[in-house]
Amino acid sequence: MVGDRANDMLAAARHAIPGVGALWGYGSEDELTAAGATVLCSSPDDLVNTVQDLIRV
């Protein structure tokens, strides 16, 4: 799940899926990390590679 606020990361954890913190949104790095983001993504351009890294088996 990709999101920019703590609630997004908490929802991802609740459903046992990785939470990708979008640093270009409203939430801060500290907020997303504290909420349990699996990984942080600094820009939309980085999103594809970040998600591909998460789903590699």
PDB file of N, CA and C in Angstrom:
ATOM      1  N   MET A   1       0.853  -1.174   0.000  1.00  0.00           N
ATOM      2  CA  MET A   1       0.000   0.000   0.000  1.00  0.00           C
ATOM      3  C   MET A   1       0.894   1.231   0.000  1.00  0.00           C
ATOM      4  N   VAL A   2       0.565   2.178  -0.807  1.00  0.00           N
ATOM      5  CA  VAL A   2       1.311   3.429  -0.881  1.00  0.00           C
ATOM      6  C   VAL A   2       0.484   4.506  -0.194  1.00  0.00           C
ATOM      7  N   GLY A   3       1.119   5.262   0.696  1.00  0.00           N
ATOM      8  CA  GLY A   3       0.408   6.330   1.375  1.00  0.00           C
ATOM      9  C   GLY A   3       1.359   7.374   1.929  1.00  0.00           C
ATOM     10  N   ASP A   4       0.787   8.485   2.329  1.00  0.00           N
ATOM     11  CA  ASP A   4       1.622   9.586   2.809  1.00  0.00           C
ATOM     12  C   ASP A   4       1.324   9.988   4.253  1.00  0.00           C
ATOM     13  N   ARG A   5       0.488   9.220   4.956  1.00  0.00           N
ATOM     14  CA  ARG A   5       0.170   9.538   6.346  1.00  0.00           C
ATOM     15  C   ARG A   5       0.262   8.269   7.202  1.00  0.00           C
ATOM     16  N   ALA A   6       0.348   8.481   8.511  1.00  0.00           N
ATOM     17  CA  ALA A   6       0.459   7.367   9.448  1.00  0.00           C
ATOM     18  C   ALA A   6      -0.700   6.386   9.293  1.00  0.00           C
ATOM     19  N   ASN A   7      -1.906   6.892   9.109  1.00  0.00           N
ATOM     20  CA  ASN A   7      -3.069   6.008   8.974  1.00  0.00           C
ATOM     21  C   ASN A   7      -2.922   5.043   7.802  1.00  0.00           C
ATOM     22  N   ASP A   8      -2.274   5.475   6.748  1.00  0.00           N
ATOM     23  CA  ASP A   8      -2.047   4.601   5.600  1.00  0.00           C
ATOM     24  C   ASP A   8      -1.120   3.444   5.971  1.00  0.00           C
ATOM     25  N   MET A   9      -0.070   3.743   6.732  1.00  0.00           N
ATOM     26  CA  MET A   9       0.881   2.710   7.147  1.00  0.00           C
ATOM     27  C   MET A   9       0.233   1.758   8.147  1.00  0.00           C
ATOM     28  N   LEU A  10      -0.600   2.292   9.022  1.00  0.00           N
ATOM     29  CA  LEU A  10      -1.305   1.462   9.989  1.00  0.00           C
ATOM     30  C   LEU A  10      -2.304   0.538   9.285  1.00  0.00           C
ATOM     31  N   ALA A  11      -2.971   1.036   8.257  1.00  0.00           N
ATOM     32  CA  ALA A  11      -3.906   0.212   7.490  1.00  0.00           C
ATOM     33  C   ALA A  11      -3.163  -0.904   6.764  1.00  0.00           C
ATOM     34  N   ALA A  12      -2.014  -0.598   6.204  1.00  0.00           N
ATOM     35  CA  ALA A  12      -1.213  -1.627   5.539  1.00  0.00           C
ATOM     36  C   ALA A  12      -0.829  -2.723   6.531  1.00  0.00           C
ATOM     37  N   ALA A  13      -0.355  -2.325   7.697  1.00  0.00           N
ATOM     38  CA  ALA A  13       0.033  -3.303   8.714  1.00  0.00           C
ATOM     39  C   ALA A  13      -1.168  -4.139   9.147  1.00  0.00           C
ATOM     40  N   ARG A  14      -2.302  -3.510   9.293  1.00  0.00           N
ATOM     41  CA  ARG A  14      -3.523  -4.208   9.724  1.00  0.00           C
ATOM     42  C   ARG A  14      -3.909  -5.315   8.744  1.00  0.00           C
ATOM     43  N   HIS A  15      -3.590  -5.098   7.465  1.00  0.00           N
ATOM     44  CA  HIS A  15      -3.927  -6.073   6.433  1.00  0.00           C
ATOM     45  C   HIS A  15      -2.722  -6.910   6.002  1.00  0.00           C
ATOM     46  N   ALA A  16      -1.641  -6.805   6.786  1.00  0.00           N
ATOM     47  CA  ALA A  16      -0.428  -7.613   6.567  1.00  0.00           C
ATOM     48  C   ALA A  16       0.171  -7.437   5.178  1.00  0.00           C
ATOM     49  N   ILE A  17       0.194  -6.189   4.714  1.00  0.00           N
ATOM     50  CA  ILE A  17       0.847  -5.878   3.443  1.00  0.00           C
ATOM     51  C   ILE A  17       1.891  -4.790   3.692  1.00  0.00           C
ATOM     52  N   PRO A  18       2.912  -4.715   2.851  1.00  0.00           N
ATOM     53  CA  PRO A  18       3.934  -3.684   3.038  1.00  0.00           C
ATOM     54  C   PRO A  18       3.362  -2.283   2.861  1.00  0.00           C
ATOM     55  N   GLY A  19       3.838  -1.371   3.675  1.00  0.00           N
ATOM     56  CA  GLY A  19       3.450   0.029   3.565  1.00  0.00           C
ATOM     57  C   GLY A  19       4.590   0.848   2.982  1.00  0.00           C
ATOM     58  N   VAL A  20       4.341   1.485   1.868  1.00  0.00           N
ATOM     59  CA  VAL A  20       5.338   2.339   1.214  1.00  0.00           C
ATOM     60  C   VAL A  20       5.003   3.784   1.570  1.00  0.00           C
ATOM     61  N   GLY A  21       5.892   4.418   2.311  1.00  0.00           N
ATOM     62  CA  GLY A  21       5.681   5.803   2.706  1.00  0.00           C
ATOM     63  C   GLY A  21       6.077   6.754   1.594  1.00  0.00           C
ATOM     64  N   ALA A  22       5.132   7.556   1.137  1.00  0.00           N
ATOM     65  CA  ALA A  22       5.354   8.511   0.046  1.00  0.00           C
ATOM     66  C   ALA A  22       5.803   9.848   0.637  1.00  0.00           C
ATOM     67  N   LEU A  23       7.074  10.137   0.540  1.00  0.00           N
ATOM     68  CA  LEU A  23       7.627  11.351   1.142  1.00  0.00           C
ATOM     69  C   LEU A  23       7.260  12.627   0.387  1.00  0.00           C
ATOM     70  N   TRP A  24       6.661  12.508  -0.777  1.00  0.00           N
ATOM     71  CA  TRP A  24       6.257  13.714  -1.511  1.00  0.00           C
ATOM     72  C   TRP A  24       4.858  14.181  -1.098  1.00  0.00           C
ATOM     73  N   GLY A  25       4.242  13.465  -0.172  1.00  0.00           N
ATOM     74  CA  GLY A  25       2.896  13.821   0.285  1.00  0.00           C
ATOM     75  C   GLY A  25       2.939  14.674   1.543  1.00  0.00           C
ATOM     76  N   TYR A  26       1.894  14.567   2.355  1.00  0.00           N
ATOM     77  CA  TYR A  26       1.730  15.418   3.525  1.00  0.00           C
ATOM     78  C   TYR A  26       2.505  14.945   4.747  1.00  0.00           C
ATOM     79  N   GLY A  27       2.654  13.650   4.936  1.00  0.00           N
ATOM     80  CA  GLY A  27       3.312  13.125   6.124  1.00  0.00           C
ATOM     81  C   GLY A  27       4.824  13.274   6.064  1.00  0.00           C
ATOM     82  N   SER A  28       5.429  13.360   7.234  1.00  0.00           N
ATOM     83  CA  SER A  28       6.888  13.485   7.317  1.00  0.00           C
ATOM     84  C   SER A  28       7.542  12.103   7.384  1.00  0.00           C
ATOM     85  N   GLU A  29       8.831  12.074   7.185  1.00  0.00           N
ATOM     86  CA  GLU A  29       9.593  10.835   7.309  1.00  0.00           C
ATOM     87  C   GLU A  29       9.422  10.249   8.711  1.00  0.00           C
ATOM     88  N   ASP A  30       9.489  11.100   9.721  1.00  0.00           N
ATOM     89  CA  ASP A  30       9.323  10.632  11.100  1.00  0.00           C
ATOM     90  C   ASP A  30       7.949  10.015  11.330  1.00  0.00           C
ATOM     91  N   GLU A  31       6.910  10.660  10.825  1.00  0.00           N
ATOM     92  CA  GLU A  31       5.547  10.144  10.989  1.00  0.00           C
ATOM     93  C   GLU A  31       5.394   8.777  10.339  1.00  0.00           C
ATOM     94  N   LEU A  32       5.882   8.652   9.117  1.00  0.00           N
ATOM     95  CA  LEU A  32       5.728   7.403   8.379  1.00  0.00           C
ATOM     96  C   LEU A  32       6.548   6.278   8.999  1.00  0.00           C
ATOM     97  N   THR A  33       7.748   6.600   9.421  1.00  0.00           N
ATOM     98  CA  THR A  33       8.603   5.605  10.055  1.00  0.00           C
ATOM     99  C   THR A  33       8.000   5.138  11.375  1.00  0.00           C
ATOM    100  N   ALA A  34       7.532   6.084  12.185  1.00  0.00           N
ATOM    101  CA  ALA A  34       6.932   5.742  13.473  1.00  0.00           C
ATOM    102  C   ALA A  34       5.682   4.878  13.300  1.00  0.00           C
ATOM    103  N   ALA A  35       4.984   5.053  12.197  1.00  0.00           N
ATOM    104  CA  ALA A  35       3.767   4.283  11.940  1.00  0.00           C
ATOM    105  C   ALA A  35       4.067   2.919  11.327  1.00  0.00           C
ATOM    106  N   GLY A  36       5.345   2.622  11.072  1.00  0.00           N
ATOM    107  CA  GLY A  36       5.725   1.293  10.601  1.00  0.00           C
ATOM    108  C   GLY A  36       5.884   1.120   9.114  1.00  0.00           C
ATOM    109  N   ALA A  37       6.188   2.202   8.396  1.00  0.00           N
ATOM    110  CA  ALA A  37       6.405   2.063   6.952  1.00  0.00           C
ATOM    111  C   ALA A  37       7.476   1.004   6.684  1.00  0.00           C
ATOM    112  N   THR A  38       7.200   0.133   5.741  1.00  0.00           N
ATOM    113  CA  THR A  38       8.162  -0.887   5.349  1.00  0.00           C
ATOM    114  C   THR A  38       9.350  -0.250   4.645  1.00  0.00           C
ATOM    115  N   VAL A  39       9.051   0.733   3.823  1.00  0.00           N
ATOM    116  CA  VAL A  39      10.075   1.445   3.057  1.00  0.00           C
ATOM    117  C   VAL A  39       9.555   2.850   2.781  1.00  0.00           C
ATOM    118  N   LEU A  40      10.478   3.777   2.597  1.00  0.00           N
ATOM    119  CA  LEU A  40      10.118   5.149   2.243  1.00  0.00           C
ATOM    120  C   LEU A  40      10.540   5.407   0.805  1.00  0.00           C
ATOM    121  N   CYS A  41       9.737   6.162   0.113  1.00  0.00           N
ATOM    122  CA  CYS A  41       9.981   6.468  -1.290  1.00  0.00           C
ATOM    123  C   CYS A  41      10.006   7.988  -1.433  1.00  0.00           C
ATOM    124  N   SER A  42      11.093   8.519  -1.977  1.00  0.00           N
ATOM    125  CA  SER A  42      11.274   9.966  -1.992  1.00  0.00           C
ATOM    126  C   SER A  42      10.548  10.695  -3.121  1.00  0.00           C
ATOM    127  N   SER A  43      10.208   9.990  -4.195  1.00  0.00           N
ATOM    128  CA  SER A  43       9.516  10.658  -5.296  1.00  0.00           C
ATOM    129  C   SER A  43       8.691   9.653  -6.088  1.00  0.00           C
ATOM    130  N   PRO A  44       7.704  10.134  -6.829  1.00  0.00           N
ATOM    131  CA  PRO A  44       6.922   9.218  -7.665  1.00  0.00           C
ATOM    132  C   PRO A  44       7.797   8.453  -8.659  1.00  0.00           C
ATOM    133  N   ASP A  45       8.872   9.075  -9.117  1.00  0.00           N
ATOM    134  CA  ASP A  45       9.771   8.409 -10.057  1.00  0.00           C
ATOM    135  C   ASP A  45      10.413   7.164  -9.450  1.00  0.00           C
ATOM    136  N   ASP A  46      10.594   7.154  -8.127  1.00  0.00           N
ATOM    137  CA  ASP A  46      11.206   6.013  -7.439  1.00  0.00           C
ATOM    138  C   ASP A  46      10.206   4.914  -7.114  1.00  0.00           C
ATOM    139  N   LEU A  47       8.942   5.185  -7.268  1.00  0.00           N
ATOM    140  CA  LEU A  47       7.908   4.259  -6.819  1.00  0.00           C
ATOM    141  C   LEU A  47       7.947   2.916  -7.543  1.00  0.00           C
ATOM    142  N   VAL A  48       8.108   2.923  -8.839  1.00  0.00           N
ATOM    143  CA  VAL A  48       8.106   1.669  -9.601  1.00  0.00           C
ATOM    144  C   VAL A  48       9.230   0.750  -9.117  1.00  0.00           C
ATOM    145  N   ASN A  49      10.428   1.265  -9.004  1.00  0.00           N
ATOM    146  CA  ASN A  49      11.550   0.439  -8.547  1.00  0.00           C
ATOM    147  C   ASN A  49      11.355  -0.036  -7.119  1.00  0.00           C
ATOM    148  N   THR A  50      10.809   0.818  -6.277  1.00  0.00           N
ATOM    149  CA  THR A  50      10.570   0.451  -4.889  1.00  0.00           C
ATOM    150  C   THR A  50       9.582  -0.701  -4.794  1.00  0.00           C
ATOM    151  N   VAL A  51       8.499  -0.621  -5.530  1.00  0.00           N
ATOM    152  CA  VAL A  51       7.487  -1.691  -5.503  1.00  0.00           C
ATOM    153  C   VAL A  51       8.062  -2.965  -6.113  1.00  0.00           C
ATOM    154  N   GLN A  52       8.803  -2.841  -7.187  1.00  0.00           N
ATOM    155  CA  GLN A  52       9.417  -4.038  -7.789  1.00  0.00           C
ATOM    156  C   GLN A  52      10.355  -4.711  -6.798  1.00  0.00           C
ATOM    157  N   ASP A  53      11.109  -3.951  -6.051  1.00  0.00           N
ATOM    158  CA  ASP A  53      11.998  -4.526  -5.037  1.00  0.00           C
ATOM    159  C   ASP A  53      11.210  -5.265  -3.957  1.00  0.00           C
ATOM    160  N   LEU A  54      10.060  -4.730  -3.582  1.00  0.00           N
ATOM    161  CA  LEU A  54       9.237  -5.364  -2.550  1.00  0.00           C
ATOM    162  C   LEU A  54       8.622  -6.682  -3.000  1.00  0.00           C
ATOM    163  N   ILE A  55       8.294  -6.812  -4.270  1.00  0.00           N
ATOM    164  CA  ILE A  55       7.606  -8.013  -4.714  1.00  0.00           C
ATOM    165  C   ILE A  55       8.558  -9.067  -5.303  1.00  0.00           C
ATOM    166  N   ARG A  56       9.828  -8.765  -5.358  1.00  0.00           N
ATOM    167  CA  ARG A  56      10.787  -9.769  -5.843  1.00  0.00           C
ATOM    168  C   ARG A  56      10.818 -10.944  -4.887  1.00  0.00           C
ATOM    169  N   VAL A  57      10.851 -12.104  -5.475  1.00  0.00           N
ATOM    170  CA  VAL A  57      10.897 -13.329  -4.664  1.00  0.00           C
ATOM    171  C   VAL A  57      12.254 -13.960  -4.794  1.00  0.00           C
TER     172      VAL A  57
END
